[in-house]
C-alpha atoms as a PDB file:
ATOM      1  CA  MET A   1       6.349 -58.660 -14.886  1.00  0.00           C
ATOM      2  CA  TRP A   2       3.785 -57.307 -17.333  1.00  0.00           C
ATOM      3  CA  SER A   3       1.597 -56.069 -14.472  1.00  0.00           C
ATOM      4  CA  TRP A   4       3.998 -53.098 -14.445  1.00  0.00           C
ATOM      5  CA  ILE A   5       2.265 -51.678 -17.544  1.00  0.00           C
ATOM      6  CA  PRO A   6      -1.265 -50.982 -16.169  1.00  0.00           C
ATOM      7  CA  SER A   7       0.111 -49.771 -12.843  1.00  0.00           C
ATOM      8  CA  ASN A   8       2.259 -47.189 -14.670  1.00  0.00           C
ATOM      9  CA  GLY A   9      -0.236 -46.153 -17.329  1.00  0.00           C
ATOM     10  CA  SER A  10      -0.096 -42.441 -16.513  1.00  0.00           C
ATOM     11  CA  LEU A  11       3.710 -42.408 -16.690  1.00  0.00           C
ATOM     12  CA  ILE A  12       3.694 -44.258 -20.021  1.00  0.00           C
ATOM     13  CA  TRP A  13       1.126 -41.869 -21.472  1.00  0.00           C
ATOM     14  CA  GLN A  14       3.072 -38.802 -20.299  1.00  0.00           C
ATOM     15  CA  LEU A  15       6.340 -40.091 -21.761  1.00  0.00           C
ATOM     16  CA  THR A  16       4.635 -41.001 -25.041  1.00  0.00           C
ATOM     17  CA  TRP A  17       3.121 -37.530 -25.322  1.00  0.00           C
ATOM     18  CA  GLU A  18       6.455 -35.864 -24.552  1.00  0.00           C
ATOM     19  CA  ASN A  19       8.215 -38.028 -27.127  1.00  0.00           C
ATOM     20  CA  ALA A  20       5.567 -37.242 -29.737  1.00  0.00           C
ATOM     21  CA  LYS A  21       5.908 -33.521 -29.102  1.00  0.00           C
ATOM     22  CA  LEU A  22       9.700 -33.620 -29.275  1.00  0.00           C
ATOM     23  CA  GLY A  23       9.576 -35.662 -32.468  1.00  0.00           C
ATOM     24  CA  VAL A  24       6.834 -33.898 -34.424  1.00  0.00           C
ATOM     25  CA  LEU A  25       7.482 -30.226 -33.627  1.00  0.00           C
ATOM     26  CA  PRO A  26      11.055 -30.182 -35.005  1.00  0.00           C
ATOM     27  CA  ALA A  27       9.856 -31.693 -38.286  1.00  0.00           C
ATOM     28  CA  LEU A  28       7.144 -29.040 -38.582  1.00  0.00           C
ATOM     29  CA  TYR A  29       9.629 -26.294 -37.802  1.00  0.00           C
ATOM     30  CA  GLY A  30      12.012 -27.865 -40.292  1.00  0.00           C
ATOM     31  CA  LEU A  31       9.280 -27.735 -42.926  1.00  0.00           C
ATOM     32  CA  ILE A  32       8.596 -24.071 -42.166  1.00  0.00           C
ATOM     33  CA  LEU A  33      12.282 -23.274 -42.616  1.00  0.00           C
ATOM     34  CA  SER A  34      12.717 -25.546 -45.635  1.00  0.00           C
ATOM     35  CA  LEU A  35       9.919 -24.020 -47.694  1.00  0.00           C
ATOM     36  CA  PRO A  36      11.440 -20.537 -48.168  1.00  0.00           C
ATOM     37  CA  LEU A  37      14.949 -21.975 -48.458  1.00  0.00           C
ATOM     38  CA  GLY A  38      13.741 -24.541 -50.983  1.00  0.00           C
ATOM     39  CA  ILE A  39      11.889 -21.933 -53.034  1.00  0.00           C
ATOM     40  CA  ILE A  40      15.017 -19.764 -53.181  1.00  0.00           C
ATOM     41  CA  ALA A  41      17.193 -22.777 -54.060  1.00  0.00           C
ATOM     42  CA  ALA A  42      14.802 -23.846 -56.800  1.00  0.00           C
ATOM     43  CA  ARG A  43      14.870 -20.351 -58.308  1.00  0.00           C
ATOM     44  CA  TRP A  44      18.586 -19.656 -57.934  1.00  0.00           C
ATOM     45  CA  ARG A  45      20.550 -22.889 -58.292  1.00  0.00           C
ATOM     46  CA  TRP A  46      23.796 -21.372 -56.971  1.00  0.00           C
ATOM     47  CA  PHE A  47      22.141 -20.939 -53.566  1.00  0.00           C
ATOM     48  CA  TYR A  48      21.474 -24.640 -52.973  1.00  0.00           C
ATOM     49  CA  PRO A  49      24.977 -26.221 -52.823  1.00  0.00           C
ATOM     50  CA  PRO A  50      26.364 -24.052 -49.992  1.00  0.00           C
ATOM     51  CA  VAL A  51      23.147 -24.381 -47.964  1.00  0.00           C
ATOM     52  CA  LEU A  52      23.080 -28.144 -48.439  1.00  0.00           C
ATOM     53  CA  THR A  53      26.749 -28.386 -47.458  1.00  0.00           C
ATOM     54  CA  ALA A  54      26.126 -26.396 -44.278  1.00  0.00           C
ATOM     55  CA  ILE A  55      23.201 -28.505 -43.090  1.00  0.00           C
ATOM     56  CA  ASN A  56      25.000 -31.742 -43.993  1.00  0.00           C
ATOM     57  CA  ILE A  57      27.919 -30.672 -41.799  1.00  0.00           C
ATOM     58  CA  LEU A  58      25.501 -30.028 -38.940  1.00  0.00           C
ATOM     59  CA  TYR A  59      23.816 -33.378 -39.611  1.00  0.00           C
ATOM     60  CA  ALA A  60      27.179 -35.085 -39.154  1.00  0.00           C
ATOM     61  CA  VAL A  61      27.343 -33.827 -35.559  1.00  0.00           C
ATOM     62  CA  PRO A  62      26.161 -36.551 -33.134  1.00  0.00           C
ATOM     63  CA  SER A  63      22.785 -35.680 -31.643  1.00  0.00           C
ATOM     64  CA  LEU A  64      23.996 -35.933 -28.039  1.00  0.00           C
ATOM     65  CA  ALA A  65      26.949 -33.655 -28.801  1.00  0.00           C
ATOM     66  CA  LEU A  66      24.631 -31.058 -30.308  1.00  0.00           C
ATOM     67  CA  PHE A  67      22.323 -31.268 -27.280  1.00  0.00           C
ATOM     68  CA  ILE A  68      25.283 -30.643 -24.967  1.00  0.00           C
ATOM     69  CA  ALA A  69      26.502 -27.725 -27.111  1.00  0.00           C
ATOM     70  CA  LEU A  70      23.085 -26.057 -26.805  1.00  0.00           C
ATOM     71  CA  ILE A  71      22.723 -26.575 -23.049  1.00  0.00           C
ATOM     72  CA  PRO A  72      24.743 -23.467 -21.988  1.00  0.00           C
ATOM     73  CA  THR A  73      22.321 -21.275 -23.951  1.00  0.00           C
ATOM     74  CA  PHE A  74      18.962 -23.020 -23.575  1.00  0.00           C
ATOM     75  CA  GLY A  75      19.483 -25.198 -20.506  1.00  0.00           C
ATOM     76  CA  LEU A  76      18.124 -28.683 -19.851  1.00  0.00           C
ATOM     77  CA  THR A  77      14.804 -27.924 -21.542  1.00  0.00           C
ATOM     78  CA  ASP A  78      12.637 -29.133 -24.398  1.00  0.00           C
ATOM     79  CA  THR A  79      13.915 -26.176 -26.418  1.00  0.00           C
ATOM     80  CA  THR A  80      17.404 -27.660 -26.547  1.00  0.00           C
ATOM     81  CA  VAL A  81      16.138 -30.930 -28.043  1.00  0.00           C
ATOM     82  CA  ILE A  82      13.683 -29.222 -30.405  1.00  0.00           C
ATOM     83  CA  ILE A  83      16.350 -26.897 -31.841  1.00  0.00           C
ATOM     84  CA  ALA A  84      18.794 -29.768 -32.380  1.00  0.00           C
ATOM     85  CA  LEU A  85      16.189 -31.999 -34.025  1.00  0.00           C
ATOM     86  CA  THR A  86      14.965 -29.109 -36.184  1.00  0.00           C
ATOM     87  CA  VAL A  87      18.488 -28.786 -37.571  1.00  0.00           C
ATOM     88  CA  PHE A  88      18.557 -32.511 -38.326  1.00  0.00           C
ATOM     89  CA  SER A  89      15.118 -32.403 -39.968  1.00  0.00           C
ATOM     90  CA  LEU A  90      16.330 -29.761 -42.422  1.00  0.00           C
ATOM     91  CA  CYS A  91      18.719 -32.321 -43.896  1.00  0.00           C
ATOM     92  CA  VAL A  92      15.880 -34.587 -45.012  1.00  0.00           C
ATOM     93  CA  ILE A  93      13.112 -32.075 -45.709  1.00  0.00           C
ATOM     94  CA  LEU A  94      14.972 -29.340 -47.616  1.00  0.00           C
ATOM     95  CA  PRO A  95      16.252 -31.647 -50.402  1.00  0.00           C
ATOM     96  CA  ASN A  96      12.698 -32.903 -50.940  1.00  0.00           C
ATOM     97  CA  VAL A  97      11.319 -29.375 -51.174  1.00  0.00           C
ATOM     98  CA  VAL A  98      13.923 -28.490 -53.789  1.00  0.00           C
ATOM     99  CA  ALA A  99      13.407 -31.756 -55.689  1.00  0.00           C
ATOM    100  CA  GLY A 100       9.642 -31.323 -55.634  1.00  0.00           C
ATOM    101  CA  LEU A 101       9.746 -27.771 -56.980  1.00  0.00           C
ATOM    102  CA  ARG A 102      12.355 -28.591 -59.599  1.00  0.00           C
ATOM    103  CA  GLY A 103      10.308 -31.614 -60.641  1.00  0.00           C
ATOM    104  CA  VAL A 104       7.305 -29.543 -61.722  1.00  0.00           C
ATOM    105  CA  PRO A 105       7.104 -29.989 -65.520  1.00  0.00           C
ATOM    106  CA  ALA A 106       8.177 -26.900 -67.453  1.00  0.00           C
ATOM    107  CA  PRO A 107       5.122 -27.051 -69.782  1.00  0.00           C
ATOM    108  CA  VAL A 108       2.879 -26.752 -66.715  1.00  0.00           C
ATOM    109  CA  THR A 109       4.578 -23.610 -65.428  1.00  0.00           C
ATOM    110  CA  GLN A 110       4.683 -22.179 -68.937  1.00  0.00           C
ATOM    111  CA  ALA A 111       0.966 -22.802 -69.354  1.00  0.00           C
ATOM    112  CA  ALA A 112       0.253 -21.089 -66.035  1.00  0.00           C
ATOM    113  CA  THR A 113       2.350 -18.095 -67.090  1.00  0.00           C
ATOM    114  CA  ALA A 114       0.534 -17.947 -70.413  1.00  0.00           C
ATOM    115  CA  MET A 115      -2.782 -17.876 -68.527  1.00  0.00           C
ATOM    116  CA  GLY A 116      -1.628 -14.742 -66.709  1.00  0.00           C
ATOM    117  CA  TYR A 117      -0.392 -16.267 -63.448  1.00  0.00           C
ATOM    118  CA  GLY A 118       2.221 -14.131 -61.712  1.00  0.00           C
ATOM    119  CA  PRO A 119       5.208 -15.748 -59.945  1.00  0.00           C
ATOM    120  CA  LEU A 120       3.553 -15.815 -56.501  1.00  0.00           C
ATOM    121  CA  ARG A 121       0.204 -17.106 -57.737  1.00  0.00           C
ATOM    122  CA  ARG A 122       1.918 -19.735 -59.893  1.00  0.00           C
ATOM    123  CA  LEU A 123       3.995 -20.853 -56.918  1.00  0.00           C
ATOM    124  CA  VAL A 124       1.050 -21.144 -54.527  1.00  0.00           C
ATOM    125  CA  THR A 125      -1.563 -22.607 -56.863  1.00  0.00           C
ATOM    126  CA  VAL A 126       0.529 -24.667 -59.279  1.00  0.00           C
ATOM    127  CA  GLU A 127       4.088 -25.452 -58.201  1.00  0.00           C
ATOM    128  CA  LEU A 128       3.650 -26.142 -54.480  1.00  0.00           C
ATOM    129  CA  PRO A 129       0.575 -28.370 -54.959  1.00  0.00           C
ATOM    130  CA  LEU A 130       2.415 -30.431 -57.582  1.00  0.00           C
ATOM    131  CA  ALA A 131       5.479 -30.646 -55.335  1.00  0.00           C
ATOM    132  CA  THR A 132       3.423 -31.662 -52.281  1.00  0.00           C
ATOM    133  CA  PRO A 133       3.835 -35.471 -52.653  1.00  0.00           C
ATOM    134  CA  VAL A 134       7.626 -35.157 -52.670  1.00  0.00           C
ATOM    135  CA  ILE A 135       7.570 -32.666 -49.790  1.00  0.00           C
ATOM    136  CA  ILE A 136       5.308 -34.946 -47.738  1.00  0.00           C
ATOM    137  CA  ALA A 137       7.720 -37.826 -48.359  1.00  0.00           C
ATOM    138  CA  GLY A 138      10.534 -35.779 -46.827  1.00  0.00           C
ATOM    139  CA  LEU A 139       8.336 -34.712 -43.931  1.00  0.00           C
ATOM    140  CA  ARG A 140       7.509 -38.349 -43.200  1.00  0.00           C
ATOM    141  CA  VAL A 141      11.192 -39.204 -42.900  1.00  0.00           C
ATOM    142  CA  GLY A 142      11.758 -36.124 -40.731  1.00  0.00           C
ATOM    143  CA  VAL A 143       8.941 -37.030 -38.328  1.00  0.00           C
ATOM    144  CA  VAL A 144       9.909 -40.697 -38.009  1.00  0.00           C
ATOM    145  CA  SER A 145      13.594 -39.906 -37.426  1.00  0.00           C
ATOM    146  CA  GLY A 146      12.632 -37.129 -35.006  1.00  0.00           C
ATOM    147  CA  ILE A 147      10.519 -39.496 -32.922  1.00  0.00           C
ATOM    148  CA  SER A 148      13.427 -41.910 -32.750  1.00  0.00           C
ATOM    149  CA  LEU A 149      16.037 -39.267 -31.882  1.00  0.00           C
ATOM    150  CA  ALA A 150      13.770 -37.597 -29.311  1.00  0.00           C
ATOM    151  CA  SER A 151      14.355 -40.513 -26.953  1.00  0.00           C
ATOM    152  CA  VAL A 152      18.047 -39.516 -26.784  1.00  0.00           C
ATOM    153  CA  GLY A 153      16.962 -36.297 -25.065  1.00  0.00           C
ATOM    154  CA  GLN A 154      16.449 -38.276 -21.875  1.00  0.00           C
ATOM    155  CA  LEU A 155      20.234 -38.472 -21.535  1.00  0.00           C
ATOM    156  CA  ILE A 156      20.285 -34.751 -20.728  1.00  0.00           C
ATOM    157  CA  GLY A 157      17.208 -34.978 -18.513  1.00  0.00           C
ATOM    158  CA  VAL A 158      14.496 -34.051 -21.040  1.00  0.00           C
ATOM    159  CA  SER A 159      11.466 -36.288 -20.533  1.00  0.00           C
ATOM    160  CA  SER A 160      10.789 -38.789 -23.324  1.00  0.00           C
ATOM    161  CA  LEU A 161      10.386 -42.515 -23.920  1.00  0.00           C
ATOM    162  CA  GLY A 162      14.131 -42.737 -23.495  1.00  0.00           C
ATOM    163  CA  TYR A 163      13.383 -42.797 -19.760  1.00  0.00           C
ATOM    164  CA  LEU A 164      12.070 -46.344 -20.148  1.00  0.00           C
ATOM    165  CA  PHE A 165      15.295 -47.458 -21.829  1.00  0.00           C
ATOM    166  CA  ILE A 166      17.557 -45.909 -19.207  1.00  0.00           C
ATOM    167  CA  ASP A 167      15.486 -46.942 -16.192  1.00  0.00           C
ATOM    168  CA  GLY A 168      14.983 -50.445 -17.539  1.00  0.00           C
ATOM    169  CA  LEU A 169      18.714 -50.830 -18.119  1.00  0.00           C
ATOM    170  CA  GLN A 170      19.679 -49.463 -14.701  1.00  0.00           C
ATOM    171  CA  ARG A 171      17.192 -51.723 -12.917  1.00  0.00           C
ATOM    172  CA  SER A 172      17.798 -54.743 -15.174  1.00  0.00           C
ATOM    173  CA  PHE A 173      14.079 -54.662 -15.922  1.00  0.00           C
ATOM    174  CA  PRO A 174      13.664 -55.490 -19.649  1.00  0.00           C
ATOM    175  CA  THR A 175       9.904 -54.948 -19.600  1.00  0.00           C
ATOM    176  CA  GLU A 176      10.441 -51.182 -19.588  1.00  0.00           C
ATOM    177  CA  ILE A 177      12.836 -51.437 -22.521  1.00  0.00           C
ATOM    178  CA  TYR A 178      10.392 -53.557 -24.541  1.00  0.00           C
ATOM    179  CA  VAL A 179       7.535 -51.170 -23.798  1.00  0.00           C
ATOM    180  CA  GLY A 180       9.669 -48.207 -24.840  1.00  0.00           C
ATOM    181  CA  LEU A 181      10.672 -49.879 -28.109  1.00  0.00           C
ATOM    182  CA  VAL A 182       7.090 -50.810 -28.966  1.00  0.00           C
ATOM    183  CA  LEU A 183       5.827 -47.322 -28.174  1.00  0.00           C
ATOM    184  CA  VAL A 184       8.497 -45.589 -30.262  1.00  0.00           C
ATOM    185  CA  ILE A 185       7.719 -47.847 -33.228  1.00  0.00           C
ATOM    186  CA  ALA A 186       3.955 -47.464 -32.773  1.00  0.00           C
ATOM    187  CA  LEU A 187       4.236 -43.688 -32.417  1.00  0.00           C
ATOM    188  CA  ALA A 188       6.338 -43.441 -35.567  1.00  0.00           C
ATOM    189  CA  LEU A 189       3.882 -45.661 -37.461  1.00  0.00           C
ATOM    190  CA  VAL A 190       0.840 -43.648 -36.372  1.00  0.00           C
ATOM    191  CA  CYS A 191       2.445 -40.331 -37.313  1.00  0.00           C
ATOM    192  CA  ASP A 192       3.562 -41.748 -40.650  1.00  0.00           C
ATOM    193  CA  LEU A 193       0.052 -42.982 -41.441  1.00  0.00           C
ATOM    194  CA  LEU A 194      -1.403 -39.597 -40.496  1.00  0.00           C
ATOM    195  CA  LEU A 195       0.992 -37.882 -42.897  1.00  0.00           C
ATOM    196  CA  VAL A 196       0.083 -40.355 -45.641  1.00  0.00           C
ATOM    197  CA  GLY A 197      -3.570 -39.476 -45.097  1.00  0.00           C
ATOM    198  CA  ALA A 198      -2.784 -35.757 -45.081  1.00  0.00           C
ATOM    199  CA  GLY A 199      -0.826 -36.138 -48.302  1.00  0.00           C
ATOM    200  CA  ARG A 200      -3.719 -37.897 -50.008  1.00  0.00           C
ATOM    201  CA  ALA A 201      -6.159 -35.271 -48.769  1.00  0.00           C
ATOM    202  CA  LEU A 202      -3.975 -32.451 -50.108  1.00  0.00           C
ATOM    203  CA  THR A 203      -3.337 -34.167 -53.443  1.00  0.00           C
ATOM    204  CA  PRO A 204      -6.491 -36.085 -54.323  1.00  0.00           C
ATOM    205  CA  TRP A 205      -5.477 -36.194 -57.983  1.00  0.00           C
ATOM    206  CA  THR A 206      -2.611 -38.574 -57.145  1.00  0.00           C
ATOM    207  CA  VAL A 207      -4.863 -41.213 -55.560  1.00  0.00           C
ATOM    208  CA  ARG A 208      -5.816 -44.007 -57.952  1.00  0.00           C
END
């Protein structure tokens, strides 16, 4: 039974790589979109509630339903899955960006202003670095959930570790299902640990 693993090593590697790509890219795109939106929301509080409401409504849409809704425009491609998962990642990353920026102590920003820092310089050199731990926490959740949801893309024909679940179920071959589960968990764990390391490297002052 377990001899299936070494004989299908290339397939397993390809599916793992595809799943990693489909899980990580949406979180990165979500971060890119969340940063400007979060900065605006932190500056003008009236902007945040309607934006948060909009993305929460989109988050309530089942992932498979959103994939199907995007198919007429983008086809059965990676783009369809990446766009859908990017929307979902906004729901976990944007609130952390806003919370991180709003959590910067007022005396710190006041001191930076008193030292002659303009708004842009203060944002880049003071506020964003101090907000980084909270932002990284949101990014970690976005990446881990993205890796999990990426496997659903196999239902519309987009290659991922979901192939092992579907094929194993159709053939009544549980080994494939177990391998898929282990790989999804391991992939999520590795990515999470990498982000923890990146967070510590970017904020060395927070490491005891």
